[in-house]
């Protein structure tokens, strides 16, 4: 392995456009997968992803930071949080999430089930 490895999302290793209102770009760097999520206004996990994956709520963990826009997430245990540009987040499996407002969300995730 190289001592320094740099990859750009403009030349992503993988691009997934299969989810409605969402684009997921992934780079594999340092033996890890890093995802850039672009979520359009109106995106909601239960409307746009649930029909594809077939679970009642998202069963993936997420660890990331929001670069633009605002997201609200509601966990199965009733916990709800809104996070926005500059916020880091950790979400356990068992949740729904949606874009708040009319701004596109861009988030970088270091752990999760996207893609």
C-alpha atoms as a PDB file:
ATOM      1  CA  UNK A   1       0.000   0.000   0.000  1.00  0.00           C
ATOM      2  CA  UNK A   2       1.214   3.508  -0.769  1.00  0.00           C
ATOM      3  CA  UNK A   3       2.041   5.739   2.182  1.00  0.00           C
ATOM      4  CA  UNK A   4      -0.246   8.424   0.725  1.00  0.00           C
ATOM      5  CA  UNK A   5      -3.344   7.701  -1.336  1.00  0.00           C
ATOM      6  CA  UNK A   6      -5.647  10.391  -2.709  1.00  0.00           C
ATOM      7  CA  UNK A   7      -8.851   9.879  -4.676  1.00  0.00           C
ATOM      8  CA  UNK A   8     -11.404  12.320  -6.034  1.00  0.00           C
ATOM      9  CA  UNK A   9     -15.165  11.958  -6.079  1.00  0.00           C
ATOM     10  CA  UNK A  10     -15.043  13.541  -9.556  1.00  0.00           C
ATOM     11  CA  UNK A  11     -13.491  10.235 -10.640  1.00  0.00           C
ATOM     12  CA  UNK A  12     -15.349   7.953  -8.204  1.00  0.00           C
ATOM     13  CA  UNK A  13     -14.693   4.218  -8.080  1.00  0.00           C
ATOM     14  CA  UNK A  14     -18.472   3.626  -8.016  1.00  0.00           C
ATOM     15  CA  UNK A  15     -21.543   5.728  -8.797  1.00  0.00           C
ATOM     16  CA  UNK A  16     -25.022   4.577  -7.791  1.00  0.00           C
ATOM     17  CA  UNK A  17     -28.074   6.390  -9.185  1.00  0.00           C
ATOM     18  CA  UNK A  18     -30.540   3.558  -8.506  1.00  0.00           C
ATOM     19  CA  UNK A  19     -32.269   5.335  -5.602  1.00  0.00           C
ATOM     20  CA  UNK A  20     -34.883   7.976  -6.434  1.00  0.00           C
ATOM     21  CA  UNK A  21     -33.713  11.520  -5.596  1.00  0.00           C
ATOM     22  CA  UNK A  22     -30.251  10.303  -4.491  1.00  0.00           C
ATOM     23  CA  UNK A  23     -26.791   9.857  -5.960  1.00  0.00           C
ATOM     24  CA  UNK A  24     -24.096   7.916  -4.118  1.00  0.00           C
ATOM     25  CA  UNK A  25     -20.471   8.203  -5.202  1.00  0.00           C
ATOM     26  CA  UNK A  26     -17.837   6.012  -3.554  1.00  0.00           C
ATOM     27  CA  UNK A  27     -14.066   6.043  -3.435  1.00  0.00           C
ATOM     28  CA  UNK A  28     -11.960   3.336  -1.891  1.00  0.00           C
ATOM     29  CA  UNK A  29      -8.996   4.904  -0.141  1.00  0.00           C
ATOM     30  CA  UNK A  30      -6.661   3.491   2.497  1.00  0.00           C
ATOM     31  CA  UNK A  31      -8.579   0.230   2.392  1.00  0.00           C
ATOM     32  CA  UNK A  32     -11.796   2.040   3.372  1.00  0.00           C
ATOM     33  CA  UNK A  33     -14.902   3.053   1.460  1.00  0.00           C
ATOM     34  CA  UNK A  34     -15.927   6.720   1.649  1.00  0.00           C
ATOM     35  CA  UNK A  35     -19.295   7.794   0.202  1.00  0.00           C
ATOM     36  CA  UNK A  36     -20.531  11.169  -0.999  1.00  0.00           C
ATOM     37  CA  UNK A  37     -24.321  11.363  -0.833  1.00  0.00           C
ATOM     38  CA  UNK A  38     -26.242  13.912  -2.864  1.00  0.00           C
ATOM     39  CA  UNK A  39     -29.892  13.975  -1.772  1.00  0.00           C
ATOM     40  CA  UNK A  40     -32.457  16.099  -3.586  1.00  0.00           C
ATOM     41  CA  UNK A  41     -35.207  18.115  -1.885  1.00  0.00           C
ATOM     42  CA  UNK A  42     -38.126  15.770  -1.300  1.00  0.00           C
ATOM     43  CA  UNK A  43     -35.880  12.729  -0.715  1.00  0.00           C
ATOM     44  CA  UNK A  44     -37.146  10.467   2.056  1.00  0.00           C
ATOM     45  CA  UNK A  45     -35.726   7.067   2.943  1.00  0.00           C
ATOM     46  CA  UNK A  46     -39.160   5.457   3.458  1.00  0.00           C
ATOM     47  CA  UNK A  47     -40.389   6.702   0.061  1.00  0.00           C
ATOM     48  CA  UNK A  48     -37.252   6.452  -2.077  1.00  0.00           C
ATOM     49  CA  UNK A  49     -35.182   3.590  -0.631  1.00  0.00           C
ATOM     50  CA  UNK A  50     -37.604   1.352   1.295  1.00  0.00           C
ATOM     51  CA  UNK A  51     -39.296   0.044  -1.894  1.00  0.00           C
ATOM     52  CA  UNK A  52     -35.883  -1.104  -3.187  1.00  0.00           C
ATOM     53  CA  UNK A  53     -34.415  -2.638  -0.021  1.00  0.00           C
ATOM     54  CA  UNK A  54     -37.692  -3.973   1.405  1.00  0.00           C
ATOM     55  CA  UNK A  55     -37.140  -3.287   5.117  1.00  0.00           C
ATOM     56  CA  UNK A  56     -39.472  -1.152   7.249  1.00  0.00           C
ATOM     57  CA  UNK A  57     -36.639   1.171   8.289  1.00  0.00           C
ATOM     58  CA  UNK A  58     -32.995   1.649   7.291  1.00  0.00           C
ATOM     59  CA  UNK A  59     -30.956  -1.158   8.848  1.00  0.00           C
ATOM     60  CA  UNK A  60     -27.523   0.354   8.131  1.00  0.00           C
ATOM     61  CA  UNK A  61     -25.374   2.348  10.550  1.00  0.00           C
ATOM     62  CA  UNK A  62     -24.109   5.732   9.348  1.00  0.00           C
ATOM     63  CA  UNK A  63     -21.166   7.911  10.364  1.00  0.00           C
ATOM     64  CA  UNK A  64     -20.593  11.129   8.480  1.00  0.00           C
ATOM     65  CA  UNK A  65     -20.633  14.884   8.126  1.00  0.00           C
ATOM     66  CA  UNK A  66     -23.055  17.189   6.307  1.00  0.00           C
ATOM     67  CA  UNK A  67     -21.435  19.587   3.821  1.00  0.00           C
ATOM     68  CA  UNK A  68     -24.664  21.226   2.617  1.00  0.00           C
ATOM     69  CA  UNK A  69     -28.378  21.145   3.391  1.00  0.00           C
ATOM     70  CA  UNK A  70     -30.370  19.722   6.289  1.00  0.00           C
ATOM     71  CA  UNK A  71     -31.572  16.210   7.149  1.00  0.00           C
ATOM     72  CA  UNK A  72     -33.982  14.997   9.808  1.00  0.00           C
ATOM     73  CA  UNK A  73     -33.730  11.450  11.116  1.00  0.00           C
ATOM     74  CA  UNK A  74     -36.192   9.571  13.311  1.00  0.00           C
ATOM     75  CA  UNK A  75     -35.084   6.361  15.002  1.00  0.00           C
ATOM     76  CA  UNK A  76     -37.363   3.435  15.810  1.00  0.00           C
ATOM     77  CA  UNK A  77     -36.884   4.233  19.521  1.00  0.00           C
ATOM     78  CA  UNK A  78     -38.548   7.636  18.960  1.00  0.00           C
ATOM     79  CA  UNK A  79     -35.332   9.680  19.032  1.00  0.00           C
ATOM     80  CA  UNK A  80     -35.396  12.412  16.391  1.00  0.00           C
ATOM     81  CA  UNK A  81     -32.613  14.780  15.340  1.00  0.00           C
ATOM     82  CA  UNK A  82     -32.053  17.383  12.666  1.00  0.00           C
ATOM     83  CA  UNK A  83     -28.527  17.895  11.404  1.00  0.00           C
ATOM     84  CA  UNK A  84     -27.188  20.449   8.963  1.00  0.00           C
ATOM     85  CA  UNK A  85     -24.068  21.853   7.280  1.00  0.00           C
ATOM     86  CA  UNK A  86     -21.032  21.341   9.505  1.00  0.00           C
ATOM     87  CA  UNK A  87     -22.636  18.701  11.734  1.00  0.00           C
ATOM     88  CA  UNK A  88     -21.090  15.273  12.234  1.00  0.00           C
ATOM     89  CA  UNK A  89     -23.503  12.406  12.870  1.00  0.00           C
ATOM     90  CA  UNK A  90     -23.728   8.790  13.945  1.00  0.00           C
ATOM     91  CA  UNK A  91     -26.957   6.868  13.351  1.00  0.00           C
ATOM     92  CA  UNK A  92     -27.675   3.325  14.478  1.00  0.00           C
ATOM     93  CA  UNK A  93     -29.756   0.901  12.365  1.00  0.00           C
ATOM     94  CA  UNK A  94     -33.540   1.283  12.570  1.00  0.00           C
ATOM     95  CA  UNK A  95     -34.414   4.744  11.280  1.00  0.00           C
ATOM     96  CA  UNK A  96     -36.094   6.856   8.618  1.00  0.00           C
ATOM     97  CA  UNK A  97     -34.568  10.090   7.302  1.00  0.00           C
ATOM     98  CA  UNK A  98     -35.544  12.898   4.950  1.00  0.00           C
ATOM     99  CA  UNK A  99     -34.279  16.135   3.430  1.00  0.00           C
ATOM    100  CA  UNK A 100     -35.602  19.239   5.193  1.00  0.00           C
ATOM    101  CA  UNK A 101     -36.378  22.267   3.039  1.00  0.00           C
ATOM    102  CA  UNK A 102     -35.483  22.966  -0.567  1.00  0.00           C
ATOM    103  CA  UNK A 103     -31.673  22.778  -0.438  1.00  0.00           C
ATOM    104  CA  UNK A 104     -29.773  19.798  -1.858  1.00  0.00           C
ATOM    105  CA  UNK A 105     -27.998  17.784   0.847  1.00  0.00           C
ATOM    106  CA  UNK A 106     -24.395  16.717   0.404  1.00  0.00           C
ATOM    107  CA  UNK A 107     -22.945  14.426   3.038  1.00  0.00           C
ATOM    108  CA  UNK A 108     -19.745  12.430   3.327  1.00  0.00           C
ATOM    109  CA  UNK A 109     -20.061   9.063   5.074  1.00  0.00           C
ATOM    110  CA  UNK A 110     -17.165   7.046   6.440  1.00  0.00           C
ATOM    111  CA  UNK A 111     -19.263   4.088   7.548  1.00  0.00           C
ATOM    112  CA  UNK A 112     -22.654   2.986   6.360  1.00  0.00           C
ATOM    113  CA  UNK A 113     -24.649   0.845   4.023  1.00  0.00           C
ATOM    114  CA  UNK A 114     -25.086   3.111   1.012  1.00  0.00           C
ATOM    115  CA  UNK A 115     -24.057   2.107  -2.449  1.00  0.00           C
END
